[in-house]
């Protein structure tokens, strides 16, 4: 059975995100895979298309007080608050371990000001073992009244342009779904120099303890992820693919190979697996095998034949 899963050539699964060649389209979603090493006992990091590490800030960050994770039907709410060790500690303490693997490492970054994004990018640019940058623009802009960087096209474009000016690495901008029209934001960051976009980040939600009449999360609201968001994510990916020239990476509720295939067929060049990692730490391996099996079964010789093959004509 294992041999059947791998009948197609490994070259048939290769995809390109800007100037970055990935061995396959299966990536990990930031915040759900630690710094990569935490999952090494459960899956073969060498087989992944890319490891996207936990979001990095300029300085270490403790995150929000507990409780900060709440299970929901078909998913979970999280208000972890982007806890991380900071970009410099990542380079010194975590990246050396990742360098031993033959896998692309994408550094996810965030800031509270445009200058913080720029400075983090400056620090990462040229560092051995970092192959790309994913920019989380769902964060509040403290100089603009706390409105998320990704909520307004001109602000999202400004962040992207500043980051683009600091690095030759591929720049992937991760889009928030908590906007009126996600394609406006996508077009703005494409024009500002993004090499790709990834979507969606979490949907804002909340949960109430009816006995205590208090929010379950100390932060009151949190980000909803998991299978519950997949139909929304898939629709937004399909809409975005249709208006951009740069690659789109699909995220949201991907827990099986069938889920990943839906995003690829809808036009995503690659996918990121997130919440499912908490349930099954080796799920990325199952998804990768399932994509290969599907291609073999359908006589698909290359992943490009599959990407964007959705039929919408009557």
Foldseek 3Di string as FASTA:
>chain_A
DLCLLCVFDLCQAWFDQQPDIFSHQEEADAPFCALPPVLVVAAPQQPGREYEHHEAFQAFDQFDDDPAWADDVQWIFGRRGSGDHHLVCCLVPPQVVQLVHNYAYEYEYEYQALVRLLVSLLVPAPRPRHQAYEYEQQFFNVVPVGHGQQADQVSLLSSLLSSVVRHPHQYEYEHEPPYDANLSNVVSSVVSPHSEYEDDWFDKDWAADVVVRHTNGPVRIGGIAALVCLVVQLVNLLVNQVPDPHAYEGEGRDQALVSQLSSQLSAHSHYHYGPNCVVRVHSSVRNSSVVSSVCSVVVNNHSVCSGNNDDDDD
